[in-house]
Amino acid sequence: MVLRNEWTTKALTKQMIGMEEQLKKLSQVITQIAVQDIRIDNLTSLVINLQHELSDLRRGDGWIDHKQR
């Protein structure tokens, strides 16, 4: 009695290649997300600094110079 199954070497190789390609795409997406996260953190710190400067100016701590052209 011979049992047939779908687990041939060629089929497994094709599945492994497909999984490797998907992992490569996933790693690219994860890298892009990490880069965006760093950019968001940088922009957040810039906004916080601007808020502090604006708050200082509102309280009179600091001044704004008018540059003449």
Protein backbone atom coordinates (compact mmCIF):
# COMPACT_ATOMS: atom_id res chain seq x y z
CA MET A 1 0.00 0.00 0.00
CA VAL A 2 1.46 3.36 -1.06
CA LEU A 3 0.43 6.56 0.66
CA ARG A 4 0.61 9.79 -1.28
CA ASN A 5 1.35 13.00 0.47
CA GLU A 6 2.10 16.57 -0.52
CA TRP A 7 5.36 16.77 1.41
CA THR A 8 7.79 16.29 -1.44
CA THR A 9 11.18 17.89 -1.36
CA LYS A 10 10.35 20.24 -4.24
CA ALA A 11 7.16 21.41 -2.58
CA LEU A 12 8.96 22.05 0.69
CA THR A 13 11.71 23.94 -1.13
CA LYS A 14 9.15 26.16 -2.86
CA GLN A 15 7.44 26.86 0.44
CA MET A 16 10.76 27.71 2.10
CA ILE A 17 11.69 30.08 -0.72
CA GLY A 18 8.31 31.76 -0.45
CA MET A 19 8.68 32.14 3.31
CA GLU A 20 12.18 33.61 2.91
CA GLU A 21 10.85 36.22 0.46
CA GLN A 22 8.05 37.12 2.86
CA LEU A 23 10.53 37.44 5.72
CA LYS A 24 12.69 39.79 3.64
CA LYS A 25 9.67 41.97 2.89
CA LEU A 26 8.67 41.92 6.54
CA SER A 27 12.15 42.95 7.64
CA GLN A 28 12.04 45.89 5.20
CA VAL A 29 8.70 46.98 6.63
CA ILE A 30 10.00 46.71 10.19
CA THR A 31 13.04 48.80 9.26
CA GLN A 32 10.83 51.48 7.69
CA ILE A 33 8.64 51.55 10.80
CA ALA A 34 11.72 51.97 13.00
CA VAL A 35 12.95 54.87 10.87
CA GLN A 36 9.53 56.54 11.03
CA ASP A 37 9.46 56.05 14.79
CA ILE A 38 12.82 57.83 15.15
CA ARG A 39 11.62 60.69 12.95
CA ILE A 40 8.44 61.04 15.01
CA ASP A 41 10.51 61.14 18.22
CA ASN A 42 12.74 63.86 16.75
CA LEU A 43 9.75 65.93 15.65
CA THR A 44 8.15 65.50 19.06
CA SER A 45 11.25 66.83 20.79
CA LEU A 46 11.34 69.81 18.41
CA VAL A 47 7.71 70.64 19.17
CA ILE A 48 8.36 70.38 22.90
CA ASN A 49 11.32 72.75 22.60
CA LEU A 50 9.21 75.23 20.66
CA GLN A 51 6.47 75.03 23.29
CA HIS A 52 8.99 75.77 26.04
CA GLU A 53 10.39 78.74 24.12
CA LEU A 54 6.91 80.11 23.45
CA SER A 55 5.98 79.67 27.10
CA ASP A 56 9.14 81.55 28.14
CA LEU A 57 8.30 84.38 25.76
CA ARG A 58 4.75 84.60 27.13
CA ARG A 59 6.11 85.00 30.67
CA GLY A 60 8.60 87.62 29.51
CA ASP A 61 11.66 85.41 29.79
CA GLY A 62 13.45 86.22 26.57
CA TRP A 63 12.92 88.56 23.68
CA ILE A 64 12.32 88.62 19.97
CA ASP A 65 14.60 90.81 17.84
CA HIS A 66 13.12 92.40 14.75
CA LYS A 67 15.58 92.04 11.92
CA GLN A 68 15.45 94.91 9.47
CA ARG A 69 15.94 94.16 5.82
